[in-house]
Amino acid sequence: MKDKIFLIFTLIVTTLSASMYMLNASADNTRPVFNEVHKKDVVYVDLNTASLDELMKIPGIGEKKANDIIDMRNRKGRINKIEELMEIKGIKENTLNKIMRYIYVTDKDTQN
């Protein structure tokens, strides 16, 4: 009788352990997705002073768009309003709304 109780107890503990392991393993599978979404070190950048690397840290801005922003800045002398980015091919209102929280422009008077 003791052997049957021990066997049932062992079976229950093993089943619970396996269940906890599977739950933990499935929870671990969600972490890489979170890390992929946030793999860039996001910064809050001034469009008039940001380097290529800083611009590329903005989600949705790759090397091409970052270079286009720098070219625009060089061509115009400065970017006065964030909305001017929509002059760049590939940056529409939807993209602008997504990146707006990461960017700003300084007033002309506050730049050195």
PDB file of N, CA and C in Angstrom:
ATOM      1  N   MET A   1       0.816  -1.189   0.000  1.00  0.00           N
ATOM      2  CA  MET A   1       0.000   0.000   0.000  1.00  0.00           C
ATOM      3  C   MET A   1       0.866   1.262   0.000  1.00  0.00           C
ATOM      4  N   LYS A   2       1.950   1.234   0.824  1.00  0.00           N
ATOM      5  CA  LYS A   2       2.855   2.377   0.876  1.00  0.00           C
ATOM      6  C   LYS A   2       3.519   2.612  -0.480  1.00  0.00           C
ATOM      7  N   ASP A   3       3.829   1.532  -1.188  1.00  0.00           N
ATOM      8  CA  ASP A   3       4.457   1.660  -2.501  1.00  0.00           C
ATOM      9  C   ASP A   3       3.521   2.334  -3.494  1.00  0.00           C
ATOM     10  N   LYS A   4       2.214   1.999  -3.437  1.00  0.00           N
ATOM     11  CA  LYS A   4       1.244   2.607  -4.349  1.00  0.00           C
ATOM     12  C   LYS A   4       1.086   4.097  -4.046  1.00  0.00           C
ATOM     13  N   ILE A   5       1.033   4.451  -2.757  1.00  0.00           N
ATOM     14  CA  ILE A   5       0.909   5.860  -2.369  1.00  0.00           C
ATOM     15  C   ILE A   5       2.163   6.616  -2.811  1.00  0.00           C
ATOM     16  N   PHE A   6       3.336   6.039  -2.597  1.00  0.00           N
ATOM     17  CA  PHE A   6       4.582   6.672  -3.017  1.00  0.00           C
ATOM     18  C   PHE A   6       4.611   6.846  -4.540  1.00  0.00           C
ATOM     19  N   LEU A   7       4.161   5.825  -5.274  1.00  0.00           N
ATOM     20  CA  LEU A   7       4.134   5.890  -6.726  1.00  0.00           C
ATOM     21  C   LEU A   7       3.175   6.982  -7.209  1.00  0.00           C
ATOM     22  N   ILE A   8       1.997   7.073  -6.612  1.00  0.00           N
ATOM     23  CA  ILE A   8       1.019   8.107  -6.979  1.00  0.00           C
ATOM     24  C   ILE A   8       1.577   9.489  -6.647  1.00  0.00           C
ATOM     25  N   PHE A   9       2.171   9.636  -5.465  1.00  0.00           N
ATOM     26  CA  PHE A   9       2.770  10.908  -5.062  1.00  0.00           C
ATOM     27  C   PHE A   9       3.876  11.306  -6.038  1.00  0.00           C
ATOM     28  N   THR A  10       4.743  10.378  -6.416  1.00  0.00           N
ATOM     29  CA  THR A  10       5.828  10.643  -7.358  1.00  0.00           C
ATOM     30  C   THR A  10       5.273  11.036  -8.723  1.00  0.00           C
ATOM     31  N   LEU A  11       4.227  10.357  -9.151  1.00  0.00           N
ATOM     32  CA  LEU A  11       3.596  10.663 -10.429  1.00  0.00           C
ATOM     33  C   LEU A  11       2.994  12.078 -10.420  1.00  0.00           C
ATOM     34  N   ILE A  12       2.343  12.454  -9.345  1.00  0.00           N
ATOM     35  CA  ILE A  12       1.757  13.795  -9.230  1.00  0.00           C
ATOM     36  C   ILE A  12       2.843  14.871  -9.238  1.00  0.00           C
ATOM     37  N   VAL A  13       3.890  14.667  -8.461  1.00  0.00           N
ATOM     38  CA  VAL A  13       4.987  15.637  -8.395  1.00  0.00           C
ATOM     39  C   VAL A  13       5.668  15.757  -9.761  1.00  0.00           C
ATOM     40  N   THR A  14       5.898  14.643 -10.419  1.00  0.00           N
ATOM     41  CA  THR A  14       6.532  14.662 -11.739  1.00  0.00           C
ATOM     42  C   THR A  14       5.659  15.390 -12.748  1.00  0.00           C
ATOM     43  N   THR A  15       4.369  15.134 -12.726  1.00  0.00           N
ATOM     44  CA  THR A  15       3.439  15.796 -13.640  1.00  0.00           C
ATOM     45  C   THR A  15       3.404  17.298 -13.388  1.00  0.00           C
ATOM     46  N   LEU A  16       3.349  17.692 -12.126  1.00  0.00           N
ATOM     47  CA  LEU A  16       3.350  19.123 -11.798  1.00  0.00           C
ATOM     48  C   LEU A  16       4.664  19.785 -12.220  1.00  0.00           C
ATOM     49  N   SER A  17       5.765  19.101 -11.993  1.00  0.00           N
ATOM     50  CA  SER A  17       7.067  19.650 -12.387  1.00  0.00           C
ATOM     51  C   SER A  17       7.159  19.823 -13.899  1.00  0.00           C
ATOM     52  N   ALA A  18       6.691  18.815 -14.625  1.00  0.00           N
ATOM     53  CA  ALA A  18       6.721  18.904 -16.088  1.00  0.00           C
ATOM     54  C   ALA A  18       5.816  20.027 -16.577  1.00  0.00           C
ATOM     55  N   SER A  19       4.657  20.175 -15.951  1.00  0.00           N
ATOM     56  CA  SER A  19       3.735  21.258 -16.332  1.00  0.00           C
ATOM     57  C   SER A  19       4.356  22.617 -16.078  1.00  0.00           C
ATOM     58  N   MET A  20       4.985  22.785 -14.932  1.00  0.00           N
ATOM     59  CA  MET A  20       5.628  24.062 -14.611  1.00  0.00           C
ATOM     60  C   MET A  20       6.773  24.338 -15.583  1.00  0.00           C
ATOM     61  N   TYR A  21       7.526  23.302 -15.937  1.00  0.00           N
ATOM     62  CA  TYR A  21       8.622  23.466 -16.887  1.00  0.00           C
ATOM     63  C   TYR A  21       8.080  23.924 -18.241  1.00  0.00           C
ATOM     64  N   MET A  22       6.996  23.295 -18.703  1.00  0.00           N
ATOM     65  CA  MET A  22       6.423  23.652 -20.001  1.00  0.00           C
ATOM     66  C   MET A  22       5.860  25.076 -19.981  1.00  0.00           C
ATOM     67  N   LEU A  23       5.218  25.463 -18.890  1.00  0.00           N
ATOM     68  CA  LEU A  23       4.700  26.829 -18.784  1.00  0.00           C
ATOM     69  C   LEU A  23       5.840  27.833 -18.794  1.00  0.00           C
ATOM     70  N   ASN A  24       6.887  27.544 -18.071  1.00  0.00           N
ATOM     71  CA  ASN A  24       8.049  28.430 -18.024  1.00  0.00           C
ATOM     72  C   ASN A  24       8.740  28.489 -19.379  1.00  0.00           C
ATOM     73  N   ALA A  25       8.847  27.364 -20.067  1.00  0.00           N
ATOM     74  CA  ALA A  25       9.490  27.330 -21.380  1.00  0.00           C
ATOM     75  C   ALA A  25       8.685  28.144 -22.386  1.00  0.00           C
ATOM     76  N   SER A  26       7.349  28.046 -22.331  1.00  0.00           N
ATOM     77  CA  SER A  26       6.541  28.826 -23.272  1.00  0.00           C
ATOM     78  C   SER A  26       6.606  30.310 -22.939  1.00  0.00           C
ATOM     79  N   ALA A  27       6.746  30.652 -21.677  1.00  0.00           N
ATOM     80  CA  ALA A  27       6.904  32.059 -21.306  1.00  0.00           C
ATOM     81  C   ALA A  27       8.247  32.586 -21.788  1.00  0.00           C
ATOM     82  N   ASP A  28       9.286  31.771 -21.751  1.00  0.00           N
ATOM     83  CA  ASP A  28      10.607  32.173 -22.232  1.00  0.00           C
ATOM     84  C   ASP A  28      10.610  32.404 -23.736  1.00  0.00           C
ATOM     85  N   ASN A  29       9.726  31.736 -24.461  1.00  0.00           N
ATOM     86  CA  ASN A  29       9.668  31.911 -25.905  1.00  0.00           C
ATOM     87  C   ASN A  29       9.161  33.289 -26.302  1.00  0.00           C
ATOM     88  N   THR A  30       8.495  33.998 -25.412  1.00  0.00           N
ATOM     89  CA  THR A  30       7.993  35.329 -25.755  1.00  0.00           C
ATOM     90  C   THR A  30       9.072  36.392 -25.583  1.00  0.00           C
ATOM     91  N   ARG A  31      10.099  36.117 -24.817  1.00  0.00           N
ATOM     92  CA  ARG A  31      11.123  37.126 -24.564  1.00  0.00           C
ATOM     93  C   ARG A  31      11.887  37.560 -25.815  1.00  0.00           C
ATOM     94  N   PRO A  32      12.306  36.646 -26.701  1.00  0.00           N
ATOM     95  CA  PRO A  32      13.017  37.106 -27.885  1.00  0.00           C
ATOM     96  C   PRO A  32      12.193  38.045 -28.754  1.00  0.00           C
ATOM     97  N   VAL A  33      10.880  37.819 -28.832  1.00  0.00           N
ATOM     98  CA  VAL A  33      10.039  38.710 -29.613  1.00  0.00           C
ATOM     99  C   VAL A  33      10.078  40.100 -29.004  1.00  0.00           C
ATOM    100  N   PHE A  34       9.962  40.191 -27.680  1.00  0.00           N
ATOM    101  CA  PHE A  34      10.038  41.493 -27.009  1.00  0.00           C
ATOM    102  C   PHE A  34      11.388  42.142 -27.278  1.00  0.00           C
ATOM    103  N   ASN A  35      12.461  41.370 -27.171  1.00  0.00           N
ATOM    104  CA  ASN A  35      13.794  41.922 -27.397  1.00  0.00           C
ATOM    105  C   ASN A  35      13.984  42.358 -28.841  1.00  0.00           C
ATOM    106  N   GLU A  36      13.395  41.624 -29.800  1.00  0.00           N
ATOM    107  CA  GLU A  36      13.503  42.023 -31.193  1.00  0.00           C
ATOM    108  C   GLU A  36      12.857  43.370 -31.422  1.00  0.00           C
ATOM    109  N   VAL A  37      11.689  43.571 -30.835  1.00  0.00           N
ATOM    110  CA  VAL A  37      10.984  44.831 -31.025  1.00  0.00           C
ATOM    111  C   VAL A  37      11.774  45.978 -30.431  1.00  0.00           C
ATOM    112  N   HIS A  38      12.462  45.746 -29.338  1.00  0.00           N
ATOM    113  CA  HIS A  38      13.172  46.801 -28.631  1.00  0.00           C
ATOM    114  C   HIS A  38      14.689  46.660 -28.748  1.00  0.00           C
ATOM    115  N   LYS A  39      15.166  46.056 -29.830  1.00  0.00           N
ATOM    116  CA  LYS A  39      16.604  45.814 -29.899  1.00  0.00           C
ATOM    117  C   LYS A  39      17.427  47.068 -30.132  1.00  0.00           C
ATOM    118  N   LYS A  40      16.829  48.129 -30.669  1.00  0.00           N
ATOM    119  CA  LYS A  40      17.577  49.375 -30.830  1.00  0.00           C
ATOM    120  C   LYS A  40      17.539  50.137 -29.509  1.00  0.00           C
ATOM    121  N   ASP A  41      18.645  50.773 -29.169  1.00  0.00           N
ATOM    122  CA  ASP A  41      18.641  51.651 -28.013  1.00  0.00           C
ATOM    123  C   ASP A  41      17.973  52.941 -28.461  1.00  0.00           C
ATOM    124  N   VAL A  42      16.721  53.121 -28.057  1.00  0.00           N
ATOM    125  CA  VAL A  42      15.952  54.268 -28.513  1.00  0.00           C
ATOM    126  C   VAL A  42      16.422  55.523 -27.798  1.00  0.00           C
ATOM    127  N   VAL A  43      16.577  56.575 -28.555  1.00  0.00           N
ATOM    128  CA  VAL A  43      16.992  57.856 -28.006  1.00  0.00           C
ATOM    129  C   VAL A  43      16.002  58.925 -28.444  1.00  0.00           C
ATOM    130  N   TYR A  44      16.021  60.034 -27.755  1.00  0.00           N
ATOM    131  CA  TYR A  44      15.215  61.189 -28.082  1.00  0.00           C
ATOM    132  C   TYR A  44      16.169  62.162 -28.746  1.00  0.00           C
ATOM    133  N   VAL A  45      16.005  62.399 -30.056  1.00  0.00           N
ATOM    134  CA  VAL A  45      17.024  63.133 -30.794  1.00  0.00           C
ATOM    135  C   VAL A  45      16.509  64.430 -31.403  1.00  0.00           C
ATOM    136  N   ASP A  46      17.416  65.371 -31.486  1.00  0.00           N
ATOM    137  CA  ASP A  46      17.169  66.626 -32.183  1.00  0.00           C
ATOM    138  C   ASP A  46      17.511  66.404 -33.647  1.00  0.00           C
ATOM    139  N   LEU A  47      16.548  66.611 -34.521  1.00  0.00           N
ATOM    140  CA  LEU A  47      16.769  66.380 -35.946  1.00  0.00           C
ATOM    141  C   LEU A  47      17.864  67.266 -36.518  1.00  0.00           C
ATOM    142  N   ASN A  48      18.139  68.395 -35.883  1.00  0.00           N
ATOM    143  CA  ASN A  48      19.137  69.314 -36.406  1.00  0.00           C
ATOM    144  C   ASN A  48      20.561  69.007 -35.960  1.00  0.00           C
ATOM    145  N   THR A  49      20.728  68.135 -34.984  1.00  0.00           N
ATOM    146  CA  THR A  49      22.078  67.833 -34.503  1.00  0.00           C
ATOM    147  C   THR A  49      22.400  66.341 -34.464  1.00  0.00           C
ATOM    148  N   ALA A  50      21.417  65.483 -34.684  1.00  0.00           N
ATOM    149  CA  ALA A  50      21.610  64.039 -34.545  1.00  0.00           C
ATOM    150  C   ALA A  50      22.563  63.487 -35.600  1.00  0.00           C
ATOM    151  N   SER A  51      23.392  62.572 -35.179  1.00  0.00           N
ATOM    152  CA  SER A  51      24.305  61.876 -36.097  1.00  0.00           C
ATOM    153  C   SER A  51      23.529  60.783 -36.829  1.00  0.00           C
ATOM    154  N   LEU A  52      24.164  60.195 -37.810  1.00  0.00           N
ATOM    155  CA  LEU A  52      23.564  59.088 -38.549  1.00  0.00           C
ATOM    156  C   LEU A  52      23.192  57.954 -37.600  1.00  0.00           C
ATOM    157  N   ASP A  53      24.114  57.610 -36.698  1.00  0.00           N
ATOM    158  CA  ASP A  53      23.856  56.517 -35.746  1.00  0.00           C
ATOM    159  C   ASP A  53      22.685  56.833 -34.824  1.00  0.00           C
ATOM    160  N   GLU A  54      22.591  58.064 -34.361  1.00  0.00           N
ATOM    161  CA  GLU A  54      21.476  58.438 -33.486  1.00  0.00           C
ATOM    162  C   GLU A  54      20.155  58.364 -34.236  1.00  0.00           C
ATOM    163  N   LEU A  55      20.123  58.828 -35.468  1.00  0.00           N
ATOM    164  CA  LEU A  55      18.897  58.769 -36.260  1.00  0.00           C
ATOM    165  C   LEU A  55      18.472  57.333 -36.524  1.00  0.00           C
ATOM    166  N   MET A  56      19.443  56.454 -36.715  1.00  0.00           N
ATOM    167  CA  MET A  56      19.128  55.052 -36.989  1.00  0.00           C
ATOM    168  C   MET A  56      18.600  54.319 -35.757  1.00  0.00           C
ATOM    169  N   LYS A  57      18.726  54.897 -34.589  1.00  0.00           N
ATOM    170  CA  LYS A  57      18.175  54.289 -33.377  1.00  0.00           C
ATOM    171  C   LYS A  57      16.684  54.555 -33.230  1.00  0.00           C
ATOM    172  N   ILE A  58      16.142  55.413 -34.070  1.00  0.00           N
ATOM    173  CA  ILE A  58      14.707  55.690 -34.049  1.00  0.00           C
ATOM    174  C   ILE A  58      14.002  54.518 -34.729  1.00  0.00           C
ATOM    175  N   PRO A  59      13.044  53.879 -34.056  1.00  0.00           N
ATOM    176  CA  PRO A  59      12.337  52.754 -34.679  1.00  0.00           C
ATOM    177  C   PRO A  59      11.719  53.180 -36.009  1.00  0.00           C
ATOM    178  N   GLY A  60      11.982  52.407 -37.060  1.00  0.00           N
ATOM    179  CA  GLY A  60      11.434  52.694 -38.373  1.00  0.00           C
ATOM    180  C   GLY A  60      12.351  53.529 -39.255  1.00  0.00           C
ATOM    181  N   ILE A  61      13.470  53.983 -38.699  1.00  0.00           N
ATOM    182  CA  ILE A  61      14.427  54.768 -39.478  1.00  0.00           C
ATOM    183  C   ILE A  61      15.684  53.930 -39.684  1.00  0.00           C
ATOM    184  N   GLY A  62      15.914  53.562 -40.932  1.00  0.00           N
ATOM    185  CA  GLY A  62      17.120  52.811 -41.275  1.00  0.00           C
ATOM    186  C   GLY A  62      18.182  53.759 -41.805  1.00  0.00           C
ATOM    187  N   GLU A  63      19.216  53.178 -42.362  1.00  0.00           N
ATOM    188  CA  GLU A  63      20.340  53.990 -42.837  1.00  0.00           C
ATOM    189  C   GLU A  63      19.925  54.930 -43.974  1.00  0.00           C
ATOM    190  N   LYS A  64      19.087  54.444 -44.898  1.00  0.00           N
ATOM    191  CA  LYS A  64      18.666  55.268 -46.040  1.00  0.00           C
ATOM    192  C   LYS A  64      17.892  56.494 -45.583  1.00  0.00           C
ATOM    193  N   LYS A  65      16.890  56.294 -44.742  1.00  0.00           N
ATOM    194  CA  LYS A  65      16.083  57.435 -44.273  1.00  0.00           C
ATOM    195  C   LYS A  65      16.911  58.364 -43.394  1.00  0.00           C
ATOM    196  N   ALA A  66      17.797  57.797 -42.597  1.00  0.00           N
ATOM    197  CA  ALA A  66      18.661  58.635 -41.753  1.00  0.00           C
ATOM    198  C   ALA A  66      19.540  59.520 -42.634  1.00  0.00           C
ATOM    199  N   ASN A  67      20.097  58.933 -43.692  1.00  0.00           N
ATOM    200  CA  ASN A  67      20.892  59.728 -44.628  1.00  0.00           C
ATOM    201  C   ASN A  67      20.041  60.781 -45.320  1.00  0.00           C
ATOM    202  N   ASP A  68      18.802  60.427 -45.657  1.00  0.00           N
ATOM    203  CA  ASP A  68      17.897  61.398 -46.285  1.00  0.00           C
ATOM    204  C   ASP A  68      17.596  62.562 -45.339  1.00  0.00           C
ATOM    205  N   ILE A  69      17.449  62.280 -44.054  1.00  0.00           N
ATOM    206  CA  ILE A  69      17.206  63.344 -43.070  1.00  0.00           C
ATOM    207  C   ILE A  69      18.419  64.266 -42.993  1.00  0.00           C
ATOM    208  N   ILE A  70      19.599  63.686 -42.958  1.00  0.00           N
ATOM    209  CA  ILE A  70      20.826  64.494 -42.902  1.00  0.00           C
ATOM    210  C   ILE A  70      20.986  65.315 -44.181  1.00  0.00           C
ATOM    211  N   ASP A  71      20.689  64.715 -45.334  1.00  0.00           N
ATOM    212  CA  ASP A  71      20.757  65.459 -46.603  1.00  0.00           C
ATOM    213  C   ASP A  71      19.776  66.624 -46.600  1.00  0.00           C
ATOM    214  N   MET A  72      18.571  66.386 -46.115  1.00  0.00           N
ATOM    215  CA  MET A  72      17.567  67.450 -46.039  1.00  0.00           C
ATOM    216  C   MET A  72      18.051  68.572 -45.130  1.00  0.00           C
ATOM    217  N   ARG A  73      18.582  68.192 -43.992  1.00  0.00           N
ATOM    218  CA  ARG A  73      19.094  69.174 -43.032  1.00  0.00           C
ATOM    219  C   ARG A  73      20.223  70.002 -43.648  1.00  0.00           C
ATOM    220  N   ASN A  74      21.115  69.343 -44.365  1.00  0.00           N
ATOM    221  CA  ASN A  74      22.221  70.057 -45.008  1.00  0.00           C
ATOM    222  C   ASN A  74      21.720  70.977 -46.126  1.00  0.00           C
ATOM    223  N   ARG A  75      20.751  70.497 -46.883  1.00  0.00           N
ATOM    224  CA  ARG A  75      20.207  71.277 -47.992  1.00  0.00           C
ATOM    225  C   ARG A  75      19.463  72.521 -47.501  1.00  0.00           C
ATOM    226  N   LYS A  76      18.655  72.354 -46.441  1.00  0.00           N
ATOM    227  CA  LYS A  76      17.830  73.456 -45.933  1.00  0.00           C
ATOM    228  C   LYS A  76      18.569  74.351 -44.942  1.00  0.00           C
ATOM    229  N   GLY A  77      19.624  73.843 -44.382  1.00  0.00           N
ATOM    230  CA  GLY A  77      20.304  74.583 -43.328  1.00  0.00           C
ATOM    231  C   GLY A  77      19.851  74.135 -41.955  1.00  0.00           C
ATOM    232  N   ARG A  78      18.580  73.834 -41.816  1.00  0.00           N
ATOM    233  CA  ARG A  78      18.021  73.323 -40.563  1.00  0.00           C
ATOM    234  C   ARG A  78      16.596  72.861 -40.806  1.00  0.00           C
ATOM    235  N   ILE A  79      16.109  72.038 -39.953  1.00  0.00           N
ATOM    236  CA  ILE A  79      14.717  71.591 -39.995  1.00  0.00           C
ATOM    237  C   ILE A  79      13.982  72.395 -38.937  1.00  0.00           C
ATOM    238  N   ASN A  80      12.943  73.095 -39.357  1.00  0.00           N
ATOM    239  CA  ASN A  80      12.208  73.962 -38.437  1.00  0.00           C
ATOM    240  C   ASN A  80      11.043  73.257 -37.756  1.00  0.00           C
ATOM    241  N   LYS A  81      10.408  72.312 -38.461  1.00  0.00           N
ATOM    242  CA  LYS A  81       9.265  71.594 -37.906  1.00  0.00           C
ATOM    243  C   LYS A  81       9.407  70.110 -38.233  1.00  0.00           C
ATOM    244  N   ILE A  82       8.995  69.271 -37.318  1.00  0.00           N
ATOM    245  CA  ILE A  82       9.061  67.825 -37.508  1.00  0.00           C
ATOM    246  C   ILE A  82       8.307  67.412 -38.772  1.00  0.00           C
ATOM    247  N   GLU A  83       7.227  68.096 -39.059  1.00  0.00           N
ATOM    248  CA  GLU A  83       6.391  67.746 -40.207  1.00  0.00           C
ATOM    249  C   GLU A  83       7.136  67.862 -41.533  1.00  0.00           C
ATOM    250  N   GLU A  84       8.236  68.597 -41.565  1.00  0.00           N
ATOM    251  CA  GLU A  84       9.029  68.721 -42.788  1.00  0.00           C
ATOM    252  C   GLU A  84       9.589  67.379 -43.231  1.00  0.00           C
ATOM    253  N   LEU A  85       9.670  66.414 -42.331  1.00  0.00           N
ATOM    254  CA  LEU A  85      10.180  65.093 -42.692  1.00  0.00           C
ATOM    255  C   LEU A  85       9.312  64.423 -43.754  1.00  0.00           C
ATOM    256  N   MET A  86       8.051  64.830 -43.869  1.00  0.00           N
ATOM    257  CA  MET A  86       7.175  64.223 -44.864  1.00  0.00           C
ATOM    258  C   MET A  86       7.587  64.602 -46.290  1.00  0.00           C
ATOM    259  N   GLU A  87       8.522  65.507 -46.435  1.00  0.00           N
ATOM    260  CA  GLU A  87       9.079  65.823 -47.755  1.00  0.00           C
ATOM    261  C   GLU A  87      10.022  64.720 -48.232  1.00  0.00           C
ATOM    262  N   ILE A  88      10.449  63.877 -47.321  1.00  0.00           N
ATOM    263  CA  ILE A  88      11.356  62.774 -47.653  1.00  0.00           C
ATOM    264  C   ILE A  88      10.536  61.602 -48.171  1.00  0.00           C
ATOM    265  N   LYS A  89      10.979  61.044 -49.294  1.00  0.00           N
ATOM    266  CA  LYS A  89      10.295  59.896 -49.877  1.00  0.00           C
ATOM    267  C   LYS A  89      10.288  58.747 -48.875  1.00  0.00           C
ATOM    268  N   GLY A  90       9.122  58.175 -48.652  1.00  0.00           N
ATOM    269  CA  GLY A  90       8.995  57.052 -47.731  1.00  0.00           C
ATOM    270  C   GLY A  90       8.561  57.451 -46.328  1.00  0.00           C
ATOM    271  N   ILE A  91       8.508  58.745 -46.047  1.00  0.00           N
ATOM    272  CA  ILE A  91       8.011  59.195 -44.744  1.00  0.00           C
ATOM    273  C   ILE A  91       6.670  59.879 -44.975  1.00  0.00           C
ATOM    274  N   LYS A  92       5.637  59.180 -44.608  1.00  0.00           N
ATOM    275  CA  LYS A  92       4.271  59.692 -44.731  1.00  0.00           C
ATOM    276  C   LYS A  92       3.749  59.985 -43.327  1.00  0.00           C
ATOM    277  N   GLU A  93       2.506  60.402 -43.247  1.00  0.00           N
ATOM    278  CA  GLU A  93       1.921  60.790 -41.968  1.00  0.00           C
ATOM    279  C   GLU A  93       1.955  59.649 -40.957  1.00  0.00           C
ATOM    280  N   ASN A  94       1.675  58.423 -41.407  1.00  0.00           N
ATOM    281  CA  ASN A  94       1.676  57.275 -40.499  1.00  0.00           C
ATOM    282  C   ASN A  94       3.056  57.049 -39.889  1.00  0.00           C
ATOM    283  N   THR A  95       4.090  57.096 -40.736  1.00  0.00           N
ATOM    284  CA  THR A  95       5.468  56.925 -40.245  1.00  0.00           C
ATOM    285  C   THR A  95       5.826  58.052 -39.292  1.00  0.00           C
ATOM    286  N   LEU A  96       5.447  59.261 -39.671  1.00  0.00           N
ATOM    287  CA  LEU A  96       5.752  60.414 -38.826  1.00  0.00           C
ATOM    288  C   LEU A  96       5.107  60.267 -37.447  1.00  0.00           C
ATOM    289  N   ASN A  97       3.863  59.808 -37.412  1.00  0.00           N
ATOM    290  CA  ASN A  97       3.184  59.611 -36.128  1.00  0.00           C
ATOM    291  C   ASN A  97       3.895  58.572 -35.261  1.00  0.00           C
ATOM    292  N   LYS A  98       4.475  57.542 -35.893  1.00  0.00           N
ATOM    293  CA  LYS A  98       5.181  56.502 -35.139  1.00  0.00           C
ATOM    294  C   LYS A  98       6.503  56.992 -34.560  1.00  0.00           C
ATOM    295  N   ILE A  99       7.194  57.877 -35.277  1.00  0.00           N
ATOM    296  CA  ILE A  99       8.517  58.305 -34.820  1.00  0.00           C
ATOM    297  C   ILE A  99       8.482  59.615 -34.035  1.00  0.00           C
ATOM    298  N   MET A 100       7.347  60.286 -34.034  1.00  0.00           N
ATOM    299  CA  MET A 100       7.260  61.620 -33.440  1.00  0.00           C
ATOM    300  C   MET A 100       7.678  61.653 -31.968  1.00  0.00           C
ATOM    301  N   ARG A 101       7.425  60.581 -31.247  1.00  0.00           N
ATOM    302  CA  ARG A 101       7.760  60.582 -29.814  1.00  0.00           C
ATOM    303  C   ARG A 101       9.264  60.496 -29.558  1.00  0.00           C
ATOM    304  N   TYR A 102      10.047  60.205 -30.598  1.00  0.00           N
ATOM    305  CA  TYR A 102      11.487  60.047 -30.446  1.00  0.00           C
ATOM    306  C   TYR A 102      12.290  61.233 -30.962  1.00  0.00           C
ATOM    307  N   ILE A 103      11.624  62.203 -31.572  1.00  0.00           N
ATOM    308  CA  ILE A 103      12.353  63.288 -32.233  1.00  0.00           C
ATOM    309  C   ILE A 103      11.836  64.652 -31.802  1.00  0.00           C
ATOM    310  N   TYR A 104      12.672  65.658 -31.978  1.00  0.00           N
ATOM    311  CA  TYR A 104      12.291  67.044 -31.743  1.00  0.00           C
ATOM    312  C   TYR A 104      13.224  67.935 -32.552  1.00  0.00           C
ATOM    313  N   VAL A 105      12.849  69.184 -32.666  1.00  0.00           N
ATOM    314  CA  VAL A 105      13.743  70.165 -33.281  1.00  0.00           C
ATOM    315  C   VAL A 105      13.926  71.297 -32.295  1.00  0.00           C
ATOM    316  N   THR A 106      15.157  71.775 -32.196  1.00  0.00           N
ATOM    317  CA  THR A 106      15.422  72.907 -31.317  1.00  0.00           C
ATOM    318  C   THR A 106      15.082  74.195 -32.041  1.00  0.00           C
ATOM    319  N   ASP A 107      14.762  75.201 -31.268  1.00  0.00           N
ATOM    320  CA  ASP A 107      14.544  76.522 -31.844  1.00  0.00           C
ATOM    321  C   ASP A 107      15.878  77.031 -32.367  1.00  0.00           C
ATOM    322  N   LYS A 108      15.812  77.873 -33.362  1.00  0.00           N
ATOM    323  CA  LYS A 108      17.021  78.439 -33.962  1.00  0.00           C
ATOM    324  C   LYS A 108      17.851  79.173 -32.914  1.00  0.00           C
ATOM    325  N   ASP A 109      17.185  79.842 -31.985  1.00  0.00           N
ATOM    326  CA  ASP A 109      17.881  80.623 -30.972  1.00  0.00           C
ATOM    327  C   ASP A 109      18.607  79.758 -29.941  1.00  0.00           C
ATOM    328  N   THR A 110      18.175  78.514 -29.748  1.00  0.00           N
ATOM    329  CA  THR A 110      18.789  77.671 -28.724  1.00  0.00           C
ATOM    330  C   THR A 110      19.947  76.858 -29.245  1.00  0.00           C
ATOM    331  N   GLN A 111      20.174  76.841 -30.570  1.00  0.00           N
ATOM    332  CA  GLN A 111      21.312  76.102 -31.110  1.00  0.00           C
ATOM    333  C   GLN A 111      22.584  76.897 -30.952  1.00  0.00           C
ATOM    334  N   ASN A 112      23.682  76.197 -30.748  1.00  0.00           N
ATOM    335  CA  ASN A 112      24.979  76.864 -30.616  1.00  0.00           C
ATOM    336  C   ASN A 112      25.567  77.131 -31.972  1.00  0.00           C
TER     337      ASN A 112
END
